[in-house]
């Protein structure tokens, strides 16, 4: 009798496995994007505090669990750096980042990240480390930061300036604005010294390289970016809501906001999906030329086997069924022919970018063509 029961249980388990396996296989094979990274931005995790940049522990965990269940793969800061240098990343890659170094990262976010084995990086305002309870929102202590970075191989830290996360009297961010009667030399010294101080104060709290930073308020200027680079920063994060690709300037890396209370797990998933960049590869990516011109704020008109585009003061002409175009009076040789497909006149995205001399982003989910906010490396 017991043998018969055992056989029945075994057969039931086999049947259950056969039912579950296709679902698990499907989940593991879902590929939304490749060779790009959704860098998520958070600030404060708290169940009582409320603000536009504060979410509850429950919502934070639900977001991460949902992304895991949908086949997203979380990567570390080091993996992201390797990706920017040419290495591959998993499909549906996600990097979790936090700004400000709040104590809630240690008390609320870290336990969840640790239990799920999800990597994250926190950009710390190092001036607050000396007196964690002195801020309106308590900051982490040196001991808490050191504990996390040494207890795991997936919690990293970076700079959020030492003492430049505030606004000046004129309303400008301290990193980019000028003090009263501040000379160029004095400004440069102030930013260099602050960045070096930030790196120095974090140096004893981690064994990893300290070459990453998030700009306060996401604001920078060419001058500020050049100065933090001189101080040793190689990767800097903004708040431009785009996917990160290798073509992005490593000192102007975009991030997608995930840390506002209205961002449900489903909304976060859709937010990532809407920003997926269809990157040109061996098979040329083609777009509707007329629609692209209109989305870029211009116009299009077809006449006599050609499509005329106007963007601002510039005029362009595309010859249908030929790899020919004009920019003003100049002739331009395209890599791929302009084609008429399904009632549309299409052009390879690479050719359109070269023709109008503007880096573009094409989002397949919406069919939108837009000028790239994040500067590309030449």
Protein backbone atom coordinates (compact mmCIF):
# COMPACT_ATOMS: atom_id res chain seq x y z
CA UNK A 1 0.00 0.00 0.00
CA UNK A 2 2.79 2.39 0.96
CA UNK A 3 4.59 1.53 -2.29
CA UNK A 4 1.46 2.40 -4.29
CA UNK A 5 1.15 5.74 -2.47
CA UNK A 6 4.80 6.50 -3.11
CA UNK A 7 4.36 5.80 -6.83
CA UNK A 8 1.26 8.01 -6.93
CA UNK A 9 3.11 10.88 -5.25
CA UNK A 10 6.05 10.47 -7.62
CA UNK A 11 3.78 10.56 -10.67
CA UNK A 12 2.02 13.64 -9.30
CA UNK A 13 5.33 15.40 -8.82
CA UNK A 14 6.40 14.51 -12.36
CA UNK A 15 3.13 15.86 -13.70
CA UNK A 16 3.52 19.07 -11.72
CA UNK A 17 7.05 19.45 -13.04
CA UNK A 18 5.83 19.01 -16.60
CA UNK A 19 3.22 21.71 -16.00
CA UNK A 20 5.65 24.15 -14.42
CA UNK A 21 8.63 23.67 -16.72
CA UNK A 22 7.11 25.31 -19.84
CA UNK A 23 6.12 28.38 -17.77
CA UNK A 24 9.58 28.67 -16.24
CA UNK A 25 11.22 28.14 -19.61
CA UNK A 26 9.03 30.82 -21.15
CA UNK A 27 9.92 33.23 -18.37
CA UNK A 28 13.65 32.61 -18.74
CA UNK A 29 13.42 33.13 -22.50
CA UNK A 30 11.59 36.47 -22.40
CA UNK A 31 13.94 38.98 -23.98
CA UNK A 32 12.78 42.58 -24.03
CA UNK A 33 16.14 44.12 -24.85
CA UNK A 34 19.80 43.26 -25.22
CA UNK A 35 23.08 45.16 -24.98
CA UNK A 36 21.59 48.02 -22.96
CA UNK A 37 20.87 48.66 -19.28
CA UNK A 38 17.93 50.13 -17.39
CA UNK A 39 19.59 52.11 -14.59
CA UNK A 40 16.97 52.66 -11.86
CA UNK A 41 17.11 55.59 -9.42
CA UNK A 42 15.90 55.54 -5.81
CA UNK A 43 16.40 57.82 -2.79
CA UNK A 44 14.52 56.98 0.43
CA UNK A 45 12.71 53.84 1.62
CA UNK A 46 10.41 54.44 4.59
CA UNK A 47 6.99 53.29 5.77
CA UNK A 48 6.00 56.56 7.47
CA UNK A 49 7.92 59.36 5.77
CA UNK A 50 6.25 60.65 2.62
CA UNK A 51 7.65 62.60 -0.30
CA UNK A 52 7.90 62.42 -4.08
CA UNK A 53 11.17 60.49 -3.69
CA UNK A 54 10.13 58.13 -0.87
CA UNK A 55 8.55 54.70 -1.25
CA UNK A 56 7.57 52.02 1.26
CA UNK A 57 9.53 48.84 1.91
CA UNK A 58 6.59 46.85 0.55
CA UNK A 59 6.50 48.75 -2.73
CA UNK A 60 10.28 48.48 -3.13
CA UNK A 61 10.21 44.74 -2.63
CA UNK A 62 7.19 44.34 -4.92
CA UNK A 63 8.98 46.25 -7.69
CA UNK A 64 12.05 44.03 -7.48
CA UNK A 65 10.06 40.80 -7.20
CA UNK A 66 7.96 41.76 -10.22
CA UNK A 67 11.00 42.56 -12.35
CA UNK A 68 12.61 39.27 -11.33
CA UNK A 69 9.46 37.34 -12.20
CA UNK A 70 9.32 39.00 -15.62
CA UNK A 71 12.85 37.95 -16.52
CA UNK A 72 14.89 41.07 -15.75
CA UNK A 73 18.50 40.47 -14.72
CA UNK A 74 20.11 42.70 -12.10
CA UNK A 75 23.79 43.58 -12.54
CA UNK A 76 26.41 45.17 -10.29
CA UNK A 77 28.17 48.49 -10.73
CA UNK A 78 31.31 46.63 -11.73
CA UNK A 79 29.43 44.67 -14.38
CA UNK A 80 28.01 47.95 -15.67
CA UNK A 81 31.51 49.43 -15.93
CA UNK A 82 32.67 46.36 -17.83
CA UNK A 83 29.68 46.70 -20.15
CA UNK A 84 30.57 50.33 -20.89
CA UNK A 85 34.07 49.12 -21.75
CA UNK A 86 32.75 46.55 -24.24
CA UNK A 87 31.76 43.47 -22.24
CA UNK A 88 28.37 41.82 -22.61
CA UNK A 89 25.53 41.99 -20.10
CA UNK A 90 22.54 39.66 -19.68
CA UNK A 91 19.40 40.43 -21.61
CA UNK A 92 16.97 42.70 -19.74
CA UNK A 93 19.84 44.09 -17.64
CA UNK A 94 19.00 46.40 -14.70
CA UNK A 95 21.27 48.38 -12.36
CA UNK A 96 19.80 49.63 -9.07
CA UNK A 97 21.13 52.97 -7.78
CA UNK A 98 20.34 55.05 -4.69
CA UNK A 99 21.23 58.69 -4.04
CA UNK A 100 22.02 60.54 -0.79
CA UNK A 101 23.31 57.77 1.50
CA UNK A 102 20.22 57.76 3.74
CA UNK A 103 20.15 55.39 6.70
CA UNK A 104 16.99 53.86 5.26
CA UNK A 105 19.15 52.19 2.64
CA UNK A 106 20.85 50.22 5.41
CA UNK A 107 17.75 49.54 7.52
CA UNK A 108 15.10 49.00 4.84
CA UNK A 109 16.56 48.48 1.36
CA UNK A 110 19.67 46.47 2.21
CA UNK A 111 17.83 43.55 3.88
CA UNK A 112 15.61 43.19 0.81
CA UNK A 113 18.51 43.47 -1.62
CA UNK A 114 20.49 40.97 0.42
CA UNK A 115 17.66 38.43 0.60
CA UNK A 116 17.05 38.67 -3.16
CA UNK A 117 20.79 38.86 -3.99
CA UNK A 118 20.20 42.02 -6.02
CA UNK A 119 23.23 44.30 -6.50
CA UNK A 120 22.95 48.03 -5.84
CA UNK A 121 25.09 51.14 -5.52
CA UNK A 122 24.48 54.03 -3.14
CA UNK A 123 25.88 57.48 -3.94
CA UNK A 124 26.79 59.03 -0.59
CA UNK A 125 27.01 62.64 0.60
CA UNK A 126 30.18 62.05 2.57
CA UNK A 127 29.99 65.19 4.73
CA UNK A 128 27.01 63.56 6.47
CA UNK A 129 29.01 60.49 7.51
CA UNK A 130 30.57 62.33 10.46
CA UNK A 131 27.17 63.14 12.01
CA UNK A 132 24.54 60.76 10.57
CA UNK A 133 21.75 62.02 12.82
CA UNK A 134 22.47 65.66 12.05
CA UNK A 135 20.52 65.66 8.79
CA UNK A 136 16.76 66.10 8.41
CA UNK A 137 16.73 62.53 7.10
CA UNK A 138 19.31 60.42 9.01
CA UNK A 139 22.28 59.27 6.98
CA UNK A 140 24.24 56.05 7.13
CA UNK A 141 27.27 55.84 9.38
CA UNK A 142 30.73 54.83 8.24
CA UNK A 143 30.31 51.55 10.08
CA UNK A 144 27.06 50.74 8.29
CA UNK A 145 28.54 51.51 4.88
CA UNK A 146 31.64 49.44 5.59
CA UNK A 147 29.56 46.53 6.87
CA UNK A 148 27.54 46.30 3.66
CA UNK A 149 30.42 46.65 1.24
CA UNK A 150 32.52 44.07 3.06
CA UNK A 151 29.73 41.63 3.88
CA UNK A 152 28.66 41.29 0.26
CA UNK A 153 30.20 41.49 -3.15
CA UNK A 154 27.20 43.29 -4.63
CA UNK A 155 26.70 46.46 -2.59
CA UNK A 156 28.80 49.37 -3.86
CA UNK A 157 29.20 53.01 -2.95
CA UNK A 158 30.00 56.13 -4.93
CA UNK A 159 30.13 59.91 -4.55
CA UNK A 160 27.24 62.32 -4.34
CA UNK A 161 29.72 65.12 -3.52
CA UNK A 162 31.19 65.77 -0.11
CA UNK A 163 29.39 69.01 0.68
CA UNK A 164 27.93 70.36 -2.57
CA UNK A 165 24.44 68.88 -2.39
CA UNK A 166 22.60 72.15 -1.81
CA UNK A 167 21.42 75.22 -3.66
CA UNK A 168 23.23 78.56 -3.66
CA UNK A 169 21.39 81.82 -2.85
CA UNK A 170 20.72 82.38 -6.55
CA UNK A 171 18.98 78.98 -6.77
CA UNK A 172 21.70 77.19 -8.74
CA UNK A 173 23.09 73.82 -7.64
CA UNK A 174 26.32 74.27 -5.69
CA UNK A 175 28.22 71.93 -8.01
CA UNK A 176 27.59 74.12 -11.06
CA UNK A 177 26.81 77.57 -9.65
CA UNK A 178 29.22 80.30 -8.56
CA UNK A 179 29.59 81.87 -5.15
CA UNK A 180 29.53 85.67 -4.94
CA UNK A 181 32.59 87.11 -6.68
CA UNK A 182 33.99 83.59 -7.16
CA UNK A 183 36.72 83.47 -9.83
CA UNK A 184 37.13 80.66 -12.34
CA UNK A 185 40.18 79.39 -10.47
CA UNK A 186 38.35 79.47 -7.12
CA UNK A 187 35.36 77.60 -8.58
CA UNK A 188 37.58 74.94 -10.12
CA UNK A 189 39.45 74.48 -6.85
CA UNK A 190 36.20 74.22 -4.90
CA UNK A 191 34.81 71.44 -7.09
CA UNK A 192 38.11 69.57 -7.34
CA UNK A 193 38.68 69.70 -3.59
CA UNK A 194 35.14 68.60 -2.80
CA UNK A 195 35.26 65.64 -5.20
CA UNK A 196 38.65 64.54 -3.90
CA UNK A 197 37.33 64.80 -0.34
CA UNK A 198 34.35 62.62 -1.22
CA UNK A 199 36.55 59.93 -2.74
CA UNK A 200 38.97 60.15 0.18
CA UNK A 201 36.29 59.69 2.85
CA UNK A 202 34.90 56.62 1.08
CA UNK A 203 38.31 55.07 0.43
CA UNK A 204 38.47 53.20 3.73
CA UNK A 205 34.91 51.92 3.51
CA UNK A 206 35.22 49.69 0.45
CA UNK A 207 37.83 47.69 -1.41
CA UNK A 208 36.29 48.53 -4.79
CA UNK A 209 37.47 51.39 -7.05
CA UNK A 210 35.86 54.75 -6.23
CA UNK A 211 35.32 56.30 -9.63
CA UNK A 212 31.52 56.68 -9.86
CA UNK A 213 29.32 59.63 -8.94
CA UNK A 214 25.74 60.84 -9.19
CA UNK A 215 25.25 64.56 -9.83
CA UNK A 216 23.21 66.36 -7.13
CA UNK A 217 19.75 67.06 -8.57
CA UNK A 218 21.04 65.41 -11.76
CA UNK A 219 22.51 68.77 -12.79
CA UNK A 220 25.90 69.30 -14.40
CA UNK A 221 27.70 71.50 -16.90
CA UNK A 222 30.64 70.76 -19.21
CA UNK A 223 32.90 72.61 -16.76
CA UNK A 224 31.69 70.63 -13.72
CA UNK A 225 31.92 67.34 -15.60
CA UNK A 226 35.48 68.10 -16.65
CA UNK A 227 36.43 68.93 -13.06
CA UNK A 228 35.04 65.76 -11.49
CA UNK A 229 36.82 63.79 -14.19
CA UNK A 230 40.08 65.46 -13.22
CA UNK A 231 39.38 64.38 -9.64
CA UNK A 232 39.22 60.73 -10.72
CA UNK A 233 35.55 60.17 -11.58
CA UNK A 234 35.08 57.98 -14.66
CA UNK A 235 31.35 57.26 -14.47
CA UNK A 236 28.73 59.86 -13.55
CA UNK A 237 24.95 59.47 -13.46
CA UNK A 238 22.28 62.00 -14.41
CA UNK A 239 18.48 61.88 -14.18
CA UNK A 240 17.83 61.88 -17.94
CA UNK A 241 15.14 59.17 -18.28
CA UNK A 242 16.65 56.93 -20.93
CA UNK A 243 18.20 53.50 -21.27
CA UNK A 244 21.97 53.40 -20.87
CA UNK A 245 23.92 52.19 -23.88
CA UNK A 246 27.59 52.06 -24.73
CA UNK A 247 27.15 55.08 -26.97
CA UNK A 248 26.35 57.18 -23.89
CA UNK A 249 29.04 59.43 -22.51
CA UNK A 250 30.18 57.56 -19.34
CA UNK A 251 30.11 60.89 -17.50
CA UNK A 252 26.46 61.50 -18.50
CA UNK A 253 24.76 58.17 -17.85
CA UNK A 254 20.93 58.30 -17.87
CA UNK A 255 18.68 56.83 -15.18
CA UNK A 256 15.00 55.91 -14.95
CA UNK A 257 13.15 57.03 -11.82
CA UNK A 258 11.72 54.12 -9.83
CA UNK A 259 11.55 55.72 -6.39
CA UNK A 260 8.31 57.72 -6.43
CA UNK A 261 5.27 56.41 -4.52
CA UNK A 262 3.04 56.30 -7.59
CA UNK A 263 5.34 53.96 -9.51
CA UNK A 264 3.70 50.55 -9.14
CA UNK A 265 5.58 47.41 -10.18
CA UNK A 266 3.55 47.26 -13.38
CA UNK A 267 4.15 50.93 -14.14
CA UNK A 268 7.90 50.48 -13.61
CA UNK A 269 7.91 47.55 -16.02
CA UNK A 270 6.10 49.65 -18.63
CA UNK A 271 8.38 52.60 -17.97
CA UNK A 272 11.40 50.47 -18.82
CA UNK A 273 9.72 48.92 -21.85
CA UNK A 274 8.82 52.34 -23.28
CA UNK A 275 12.45 53.41 -23.20
CA UNK A 276 14.01 50.41 -24.88
CA UNK A 277 16.40 51.58 -27.56
CA UNK A 278 16.36 49.68 -30.85
CA UNK A 279 20.06 49.82 -31.59
CA UNK A 280 21.37 49.53 -35.14
CA UNK A 281 23.20 46.29 -35.82
CA UNK A 282 24.18 44.08 -38.73
CA UNK A 283 20.57 44.22 -39.97
CA UNK A 284 19.84 47.90 -40.60
CA UNK A 285 17.01 49.28 -38.53
CA UNK A 286 14.56 51.23 -40.68
CA UNK A 287 12.13 53.98 -39.70
CA UNK A 288 9.29 55.86 -41.38
CA UNK A 289 11.11 58.94 -42.71
CA UNK A 290 8.08 61.23 -42.82
CA UNK A 291 6.90 60.27 -39.34
CA UNK A 292 10.44 60.69 -37.99
CA UNK A 293 10.68 64.20 -39.43
CA UNK A 294 7.37 65.19 -37.85
CA UNK A 295 8.34 63.69 -34.47
CA UNK A 296 11.54 65.73 -34.59
CA UNK A 297 9.52 68.91 -35.05
CA UNK A 298 9.82 69.13 -38.83
CA UNK A 299 7.72 68.36 -41.87
CA UNK A 300 7.68 66.02 -44.85
CA UNK A 301 6.27 66.18 -48.36
CA UNK A 302 6.39 63.57 -51.13
CA UNK A 303 6.61 64.61 -54.76
CA UNK A 304 8.00 63.11 -57.94
CA UNK A 305 9.52 59.94 -56.48
CA UNK A 306 11.28 61.81 -53.69
CA UNK A 307 10.54 62.75 -50.09
CA UNK A 308 11.39 66.28 -49.02
CA UNK A 309 12.10 66.84 -45.31
CA UNK A 310 12.50 70.09 -43.44
CA UNK A 311 13.99 70.25 -39.95
CA UNK A 312 14.41 73.76 -38.64
CA UNK A 313 16.31 75.71 -41.31
CA UNK A 314 17.67 72.55 -42.96
CA UNK A 315 16.13 70.96 -46.07
CA UNK A 316 16.71 67.34 -47.10
CA UNK A 317 15.59 65.23 -50.05
CA UNK A 318 15.43 61.41 -50.13
CA UNK A 319 15.39 59.59 -53.47
CA UNK A 320 13.07 56.59 -53.25
CA UNK A 321 14.61 53.24 -54.32
CA UNK A 322 18.09 54.75 -54.27
CA UNK A 323 20.87 55.29 -51.72
CA UNK A 324 20.91 59.00 -52.51
CA UNK A 325 19.92 62.10 -50.62
CA UNK A 326 20.67 65.80 -50.47
CA UNK A 327 21.36 68.13 -47.55
CA UNK A 328 20.67 71.60 -48.86
CA UNK A 329 22.61 71.71 -52.15
CA UNK A 330 25.04 68.95 -51.12
CA UNK A 331 24.66 65.37 -52.29
CA UNK A 332 24.84 62.67 -49.63
CA UNK A 333 25.57 58.99 -50.29
CA UNK A 334 23.55 56.70 -48.04
CA UNK A 335 24.64 53.24 -46.93
CA UNK A 336 21.22 51.71 -47.60
CA UNK A 337 18.60 52.60 -50.22
CA UNK A 338 15.49 54.55 -49.30
CA UNK A 339 12.55 52.18 -49.80
CA UNK A 340 8.78 52.30 -50.12
CA UNK A 341 7.43 49.67 -47.71
CA UNK A 342 3.80 49.09 -46.73
CA UNK A 343 2.81 52.56 -47.85
CA UNK A 344 5.70 54.26 -46.03
CA UNK A 345 8.99 55.66 -47.25
CA UNK A 346 11.61 54.20 -44.93
CA UNK A 347 15.26 55.03 -44.30
CA UNK A 348 17.91 53.20 -42.28
CA UNK A 349 18.25 54.81 -38.84
CA UNK A 350 22.02 55.04 -39.28
CA UNK A 351 21.55 56.92 -42.54
CA UNK A 352 18.99 59.31 -41.04
CA UNK A 353 21.31 60.14 -38.14
CA UNK A 354 24.21 60.77 -40.52
CA UNK A 355 22.06 62.80 -42.88
CA UNK A 356 20.67 65.22 -40.28
CA UNK A 357 23.87 65.05 -38.18
CA UNK A 358 21.97 64.31 -34.97
CA UNK A 359 22.16 61.19 -32.74
CA UNK A 360 18.68 59.68 -32.47
CA UNK A 361 16.77 57.28 -30.24
CA UNK A 362 14.11 55.01 -31.71
CA UNK A 363 11.70 53.35 -29.28
CA UNK A 364 10.01 50.29 -30.84
CA UNK A 365 7.20 50.17 -28.27
CA UNK A 366 5.94 53.62 -29.27
CA UNK A 367 7.38 54.02 -32.76
CA UNK A 368 8.86 57.34 -31.64
CA UNK A 369 12.04 58.89 -33.02
CA UNK A 370 13.66 61.54 -30.82
CA UNK A 371 16.92 63.40 -30.52
CA UNK A 372 19.14 61.62 -28.03
CA UNK A 373 19.28 63.51 -24.74
CA UNK A 374 22.43 61.75 -23.61
CA UNK A 375 25.43 62.85 -25.67
CA UNK A 376 27.13 60.12 -27.67
CA UNK A 377 30.85 59.49 -27.62
CA UNK A 378 32.33 60.39 -30.95
